[in-house]
Amino acid sequence: MNDTYERLKAIEIEDYIWILYLVIIFLSFYANELEKKYFLCNDLKAKEDYRKLMILIFAVVLGVYYYFFSDGYKSVKGLTPSDSQNKVFFTNLNFIATILILIAGIIFLFIAVFDTSIETEIAFS
């Protein structure tokens, strides 16, 4: 019963994260417009607004990535010797993936903060 409750609570949190992702998508569209304005019109204010927005976007996304990393860590720590080999394998594989995604998020945020000339296109590709 407790496992079911925990799973449902995690799904509820993920629903909020999906809403947050939708907000991030709309902010990304706006950031692209600012970036175009900078490149087409050499608008330095648009460039700075774009950079600030990208920093905000990647900071929020990094928070989401950290949530999934933390959740994955709890799942690995919660494994027991009686768990199936499949569960152990996929839980560990999922945790490795969350570590890599977290590292990618840190790198993206680093680029957004320190690439002041916006020469590098950063995206969720």
N, C-alpha and C. Protein backbone atom coordinates (compact mmCIF):
# COMPACT_ATOMS: atom_id res chain seq x y z
N MET A 1 0.82 -1.19 0.00
CA MET A 1 0.00 0.00 0.00
C MET A 1 0.86 1.26 0.00
N ASN A 2 1.93 1.27 0.79
CA ASN A 2 2.81 2.41 0.86
C ASN A 2 3.50 2.66 -0.48
N ASP A 3 3.91 1.58 -1.17
CA ASP A 3 4.55 1.72 -2.48
C ASP A 3 3.60 2.37 -3.48
N THR A 4 2.33 2.00 -3.42
CA THR A 4 1.33 2.57 -4.32
C THR A 4 1.17 4.06 -4.03
N TYR A 5 1.09 4.43 -2.78
CA TYR A 5 0.97 5.84 -2.40
C TYR A 5 2.18 6.63 -2.89
N GLU A 6 3.37 6.10 -2.67
CA GLU A 6 4.60 6.78 -3.10
C GLU A 6 4.62 6.95 -4.61
N ARG A 7 4.20 5.92 -5.32
CA ARG A 7 4.18 5.97 -6.79
C ARG A 7 3.18 7.03 -7.29
N LEU A 8 2.00 7.07 -6.67
CA LEU A 8 1.00 8.06 -7.05
C LEU A 8 1.47 9.48 -6.74
N LYS A 9 2.15 9.66 -5.62
CA LYS A 9 2.69 10.97 -5.27
C LYS A 9 3.75 11.40 -6.29
N ALA A 10 4.58 10.48 -6.72
CA ALA A 10 5.60 10.79 -7.73
C ALA A 10 4.94 11.17 -9.06
N ILE A 11 3.87 10.49 -9.43
CA ILE A 11 3.16 10.80 -10.66
C ILE A 11 2.54 12.20 -10.57
N GLU A 12 2.02 12.54 -9.40
CA GLU A 12 1.44 13.87 -9.21
C GLU A 12 2.51 14.96 -9.38
N ILE A 13 3.68 14.73 -8.82
CA ILE A 13 4.79 15.68 -8.98
C ILE A 13 5.19 15.78 -10.44
N GLU A 14 5.25 14.65 -11.13
CA GLU A 14 5.60 14.65 -12.55
C GLU A 14 4.58 15.43 -13.38
N ASP A 15 3.31 15.39 -12.99
CA ASP A 15 2.29 16.19 -13.68
C ASP A 15 2.64 17.68 -13.60
N TYR A 16 3.07 18.13 -12.43
CA TYR A 16 3.47 19.53 -12.27
C TYR A 16 4.72 19.83 -13.10
N ILE A 17 5.62 18.88 -13.17
CA ILE A 17 6.83 19.07 -13.97
C ILE A 17 6.47 19.21 -15.45
N TRP A 18 5.49 18.44 -15.93
CA TRP A 18 5.05 18.57 -17.33
C TRP A 18 4.50 19.96 -17.58
N ILE A 19 3.76 20.51 -16.63
CA ILE A 19 3.24 21.88 -16.77
C ILE A 19 4.41 22.85 -16.82
N LEU A 20 5.39 22.64 -15.96
CA LEU A 20 6.59 23.48 -15.95
C LEU A 20 7.31 23.40 -17.29
N TYR A 21 7.40 22.20 -17.86
CA TYR A 21 8.02 22.04 -19.18
C TYR A 21 7.26 22.84 -20.25
N LEU A 22 5.94 22.88 -20.16
CA LEU A 22 5.17 23.67 -21.12
C LEU A 22 5.51 25.15 -21.00
N VAL A 23 5.66 25.64 -19.77
CA VAL A 23 6.07 27.03 -19.57
C VAL A 23 7.45 27.25 -20.16
N ILE A 24 8.35 26.31 -19.93
CA ILE A 24 9.72 26.41 -20.47
C ILE A 24 9.68 26.45 -22.01
N ILE A 25 8.81 25.68 -22.61
CA ILE A 25 8.70 25.68 -24.08
C ILE A 25 8.28 27.06 -24.57
N PHE A 26 7.27 27.65 -23.94
CA PHE A 26 6.84 28.98 -24.36
C PHE A 26 7.92 30.04 -24.12
N LEU A 27 8.63 29.93 -23.01
CA LEU A 27 9.74 30.85 -22.75
C LEU A 27 10.85 30.66 -23.79
N SER A 28 11.06 29.44 -24.22
CA SER A 28 12.07 29.15 -25.24
C SER A 28 11.69 29.76 -26.58
N PHE A 29 10.40 29.72 -26.93
CA PHE A 29 9.95 30.39 -28.15
C PHE A 29 10.24 31.89 -28.07
N TYR A 30 9.94 32.47 -26.92
CA TYR A 30 10.19 33.90 -26.74
C TYR A 30 11.70 34.19 -26.80
N ALA A 31 12.50 33.33 -26.19
CA ALA A 31 13.96 33.51 -26.23
C ALA A 31 14.46 33.46 -27.67
N ASN A 32 13.90 32.57 -28.47
CA ASN A 32 14.30 32.49 -29.88
C ASN A 32 13.98 33.79 -30.62
N GLU A 33 12.84 34.40 -30.29
CA GLU A 33 12.48 35.68 -30.91
C GLU A 33 13.49 36.76 -30.51
N LEU A 34 13.88 36.78 -29.26
CA LEU A 34 14.88 37.75 -28.81
C LEU A 34 16.22 37.51 -29.51
N GLU A 35 16.59 36.26 -29.65
CA GLU A 35 17.85 35.93 -30.33
C GLU A 35 17.81 36.38 -31.78
N LYS A 36 16.69 36.13 -32.46
CA LYS A 36 16.56 36.60 -33.86
C LYS A 36 16.66 38.12 -33.94
N LYS A 37 16.00 38.80 -33.00
CA LYS A 37 16.03 40.26 -32.99
C LYS A 37 17.47 40.76 -32.83
N TYR A 38 18.21 40.09 -31.98
CA TYR A 38 19.61 40.49 -31.80
C TYR A 38 20.41 40.30 -33.09
N PHE A 39 20.27 39.14 -33.71
CA PHE A 39 21.07 38.87 -34.91
C PHE A 39 20.62 39.70 -36.12
N LEU A 40 19.34 39.95 -36.23
CA LEU A 40 18.84 40.71 -37.38
C LEU A 40 19.00 42.22 -37.22
N CYS A 41 18.83 42.71 -36.00
CA CYS A 41 18.83 44.16 -35.77
C CYS A 41 20.01 44.64 -34.94
N ASN A 42 20.86 43.72 -34.53
CA ASN A 42 21.98 44.03 -33.65
C ASN A 42 21.51 44.76 -32.38
N ASP A 43 20.38 44.31 -31.87
CA ASP A 43 19.75 44.90 -30.68
C ASP A 43 20.42 44.32 -29.43
N LEU A 44 21.25 45.12 -28.78
CA LEU A 44 22.00 44.64 -27.63
C LEU A 44 21.11 44.36 -26.42
N LYS A 45 20.01 45.09 -26.29
CA LYS A 45 19.07 44.81 -25.20
C LYS A 45 18.42 43.44 -25.41
N ALA A 46 18.06 43.12 -26.65
CA ALA A 46 17.47 41.81 -26.95
C ALA A 46 18.49 40.71 -26.63
N LYS A 47 19.75 40.97 -26.92
CA LYS A 47 20.81 39.99 -26.62
C LYS A 47 20.89 39.73 -25.12
N GLU A 48 20.89 40.80 -24.33
CA GLU A 48 21.00 40.63 -22.88
C GLU A 48 19.74 39.98 -22.30
N ASP A 49 18.58 40.38 -22.81
CA ASP A 49 17.33 39.76 -22.36
C ASP A 49 17.31 38.27 -22.72
N TYR A 50 17.81 37.94 -23.90
CA TYR A 50 17.91 36.54 -24.32
C TYR A 50 18.80 35.76 -23.36
N ARG A 51 19.97 36.32 -23.05
CA ARG A 51 20.90 35.63 -22.14
C ARG A 51 20.27 35.41 -20.77
N LYS A 52 19.62 36.44 -20.23
CA LYS A 52 18.99 36.31 -18.92
C LYS A 52 17.88 35.25 -18.94
N LEU A 53 17.11 35.25 -20.02
CA LEU A 53 16.04 34.27 -20.14
C LEU A 53 16.60 32.86 -20.26
N MET A 54 17.68 32.69 -21.00
CA MET A 54 18.29 31.37 -21.13
C MET A 54 18.85 30.89 -19.79
N ILE A 55 19.41 31.80 -19.04
CA ILE A 55 19.92 31.44 -17.71
C ILE A 55 18.76 30.99 -16.83
N LEU A 56 17.66 31.73 -16.87
CA LEU A 56 16.48 31.35 -16.09
C LEU A 56 15.96 29.98 -16.53
N ILE A 57 15.83 29.78 -17.83
CA ILE A 57 15.32 28.51 -18.36
C ILE A 57 16.19 27.35 -17.91
N PHE A 58 17.50 27.47 -18.09
CA PHE A 58 18.37 26.36 -17.76
C PHE A 58 18.52 26.17 -16.25
N ALA A 59 18.37 27.23 -15.47
CA ALA A 59 18.38 27.07 -14.01
C ALA A 59 17.15 26.29 -13.56
N VAL A 60 16.00 26.61 -14.12
CA VAL A 60 14.77 25.88 -13.76
C VAL A 60 14.87 24.44 -14.21
N VAL A 61 15.34 24.23 -15.43
CA VAL A 61 15.46 22.87 -15.95
C VAL A 61 16.47 22.07 -15.12
N LEU A 62 17.54 22.71 -14.68
CA LEU A 62 18.51 22.03 -13.83
C LEU A 62 17.85 21.59 -12.53
N GLY A 63 16.97 22.42 -11.99
CA GLY A 63 16.23 22.03 -10.80
C GLY A 63 15.38 20.78 -11.04
N VAL A 64 14.75 20.73 -12.19
CA VAL A 64 13.95 19.54 -12.55
C VAL A 64 14.87 18.34 -12.69
N TYR A 65 16.00 18.52 -13.36
CA TYR A 65 16.94 17.41 -13.52
C TYR A 65 17.43 16.92 -12.16
N TYR A 66 17.65 17.86 -11.23
CA TYR A 66 18.09 17.46 -9.90
C TYR A 66 17.01 16.65 -9.19
N TYR A 67 15.75 17.04 -9.38
CA TYR A 67 14.65 16.29 -8.78
C TYR A 67 14.69 14.83 -9.26
N PHE A 68 14.85 14.63 -10.57
CA PHE A 68 14.87 13.28 -11.11
C PHE A 68 16.11 12.51 -10.65
N PHE A 69 17.24 13.21 -10.55
CA PHE A 69 18.45 12.59 -10.02
C PHE A 69 18.23 12.13 -8.58
N SER A 70 17.65 13.00 -7.77
CA SER A 70 17.38 12.68 -6.37
C SER A 70 16.42 11.51 -6.25
N ASP A 71 15.37 11.52 -7.06
CA ASP A 71 14.40 10.44 -7.07
C ASP A 71 15.06 9.11 -7.48
N GLY A 72 15.94 9.19 -8.48
CA GLY A 72 16.66 7.99 -8.92
C GLY A 72 17.59 7.46 -7.84
N TYR A 73 18.22 8.38 -7.13
CA TYR A 73 19.11 7.98 -6.04
C TYR A 73 18.33 7.25 -4.94
N LYS A 74 17.14 7.81 -4.61
CA LYS A 74 16.30 7.15 -3.60
C LYS A 74 15.88 5.77 -4.06
N SER A 75 15.61 5.62 -5.35
CA SER A 75 15.20 4.32 -5.89
C SER A 75 16.34 3.31 -5.77
N VAL A 76 17.55 3.74 -6.08
CA VAL A 76 18.71 2.84 -5.97
C VAL A 76 18.94 2.46 -4.52
N LYS A 77 18.84 3.43 -3.63
CA LYS A 77 19.04 3.15 -2.20
C LYS A 77 17.93 2.25 -1.65
N GLY A 78 16.76 2.29 -2.27
CA GLY A 78 15.64 1.49 -1.79
C GLY A 78 15.61 0.07 -2.33
N LEU A 79 16.57 -0.27 -3.17
CA LEU A 79 16.63 -1.64 -3.69
C LEU A 79 16.94 -2.62 -2.56
N THR A 80 16.35 -3.78 -2.65
CA THR A 80 16.59 -4.82 -1.65
C THR A 80 17.11 -6.07 -2.34
N PRO A 81 17.74 -6.97 -1.58
CA PRO A 81 18.23 -8.22 -2.18
C PRO A 81 17.11 -9.08 -2.79
N SER A 82 15.89 -8.86 -2.35
CA SER A 82 14.78 -9.66 -2.88
C SER A 82 14.20 -9.10 -4.18
N ASP A 83 14.67 -7.91 -4.60
CA ASP A 83 14.18 -7.34 -5.86
C ASP A 83 14.66 -8.16 -7.04
N SER A 84 13.86 -8.19 -8.08
CA SER A 84 14.22 -8.96 -9.28
C SER A 84 15.45 -8.36 -9.95
N GLN A 85 16.13 -9.19 -10.73
CA GLN A 85 17.29 -8.72 -11.48
C GLN A 85 16.89 -7.61 -12.44
N ASN A 86 15.72 -7.73 -13.05
CA ASN A 86 15.24 -6.69 -13.96
C ASN A 86 15.08 -5.36 -13.24
N LYS A 87 14.46 -5.40 -12.08
CA LYS A 87 14.25 -4.16 -11.32
C LYS A 87 15.59 -3.53 -10.95
N VAL A 88 16.52 -4.33 -10.48
CA VAL A 88 17.84 -3.81 -10.11
C VAL A 88 18.54 -3.22 -11.33
N PHE A 89 18.52 -3.95 -12.43
CA PHE A 89 19.20 -3.50 -13.65
C PHE A 89 18.61 -2.18 -14.14
N PHE A 90 17.29 -2.12 -14.29
CA PHE A 90 16.67 -0.93 -14.85
C PHE A 90 16.69 0.26 -13.89
N THR A 91 16.63 0.00 -12.60
CA THR A 91 16.73 1.08 -11.62
C THR A 91 18.13 1.70 -11.68
N ASN A 92 19.15 0.85 -11.76
CA ASN A 92 20.52 1.36 -11.87
C ASN A 92 20.74 2.08 -13.20
N LEU A 93 20.21 1.53 -14.26
CA LEU A 93 20.33 2.15 -15.58
C LEU A 93 19.65 3.52 -15.59
N ASN A 94 18.47 3.59 -14.99
CA ASN A 94 17.75 4.86 -14.89
C ASN A 94 18.57 5.87 -14.09
N PHE A 95 19.20 5.42 -13.02
CA PHE A 95 20.00 6.33 -12.20
C PHE A 95 21.20 6.86 -12.98
N ILE A 96 21.84 6.00 -13.74
CA ILE A 96 22.96 6.44 -14.58
C ILE A 96 22.49 7.51 -15.57
N ALA A 97 21.32 7.28 -16.17
CA ALA A 97 20.77 8.26 -17.12
C ALA A 97 20.50 9.59 -16.43
N THR A 98 19.96 9.56 -15.20
CA THR A 98 19.68 10.82 -14.51
C THR A 98 20.96 11.56 -14.14
N ILE A 99 22.01 10.82 -13.85
CA ILE A 99 23.31 11.46 -13.58
C ILE A 99 23.79 12.19 -14.84
N LEU A 100 23.71 11.51 -15.97
CA LEU A 100 24.17 12.12 -17.22
C LEU A 100 23.33 13.33 -17.61
N ILE A 101 22.03 13.24 -17.40
CA ILE A 101 21.15 14.38 -17.71
C ILE A 101 21.48 15.55 -16.79
N LEU A 102 21.72 15.27 -15.53
CA LEU A 102 22.09 16.33 -14.58
C LEU A 102 23.40 17.00 -15.01
N ILE A 103 24.36 16.22 -15.42
CA ILE A 103 25.63 16.77 -15.91
C ILE A 103 25.39 17.64 -17.13
N ALA A 104 24.55 17.18 -18.06
CA ALA A 104 24.23 17.98 -19.24
C ALA A 104 23.58 19.30 -18.85
N GLY A 105 22.68 19.26 -17.89
CA GLY A 105 22.03 20.48 -17.42
C GLY A 105 23.02 21.47 -16.83
N ILE A 106 23.98 20.97 -16.08
CA ILE A 106 25.02 21.82 -15.50
C ILE A 106 25.84 22.47 -16.61
N ILE A 107 26.18 21.69 -17.62
CA ILE A 107 26.97 22.22 -18.75
C ILE A 107 26.17 23.27 -19.50
N PHE A 108 24.89 23.00 -19.78
CA PHE A 108 24.06 23.98 -20.48
C PHE A 108 23.96 25.29 -19.68
N LEU A 109 23.76 25.19 -18.39
CA LEU A 109 23.67 26.39 -17.57
C LEU A 109 25.00 27.14 -17.57
N PHE A 110 26.09 26.42 -17.50
CA PHE A 110 27.42 27.03 -17.55
C PHE A 110 27.59 27.84 -18.84
N ILE A 111 27.19 27.22 -19.97
CA ILE A 111 27.29 27.91 -21.25
C ILE A 111 26.41 29.16 -21.25
N ALA A 112 25.18 29.04 -20.77
CA ALA A 112 24.25 30.18 -20.75
C ALA A 112 24.80 31.33 -19.92
N VAL A 113 25.47 31.03 -18.83
CA VAL A 113 26.00 32.07 -17.95
C VAL A 113 27.26 32.71 -18.53
N PHE A 114 28.16 31.91 -19.06
CA PHE A 114 29.48 32.43 -19.41
C PHE A 114 29.70 32.73 -20.89
N ASP A 115 28.81 32.30 -21.77
CA ASP A 115 28.96 32.65 -23.19
C ASP A 115 28.26 33.98 -23.45
N THR A 116 28.93 35.05 -23.06
CA THR A 116 28.31 36.38 -23.16
C THR A 116 28.15 36.86 -24.60
N SER A 117 28.88 36.29 -25.52
CA SER A 117 28.76 36.69 -26.92
C SER A 117 27.71 35.86 -27.66
N ILE A 118 27.08 34.93 -26.96
CA ILE A 118 26.08 33.98 -27.47
C ILE A 118 26.49 33.37 -28.82
N GLU A 119 27.72 32.92 -28.89
CA GLU A 119 28.22 32.28 -30.10
C GLU A 119 27.84 30.82 -30.18
N THR A 120 27.46 30.23 -29.07
CA THR A 120 27.11 28.81 -29.04
C THR A 120 25.61 28.67 -28.91
N GLU A 121 25.03 27.89 -29.81
CA GLU A 121 23.59 27.62 -29.75
C GLU A 121 23.38 26.50 -28.75
N ILE A 122 22.68 26.81 -27.67
CA ILE A 122 22.38 25.78 -26.69
C ILE A 122 20.90 25.42 -26.80
N ALA A 123 20.66 24.14 -26.74
CA ALA A 123 19.29 23.66 -26.89
C ALA A 123 19.16 22.33 -26.18
N PHE A 124 17.91 21.87 -26.07
CA PHE A 124 17.63 20.59 -25.44
C PHE A 124 17.74 19.46 -26.44
N SER A 125 18.67 19.53 -27.36
CA SER A 125 18.74 18.54 -28.43
C SER A 125 19.31 17.22 -28.01
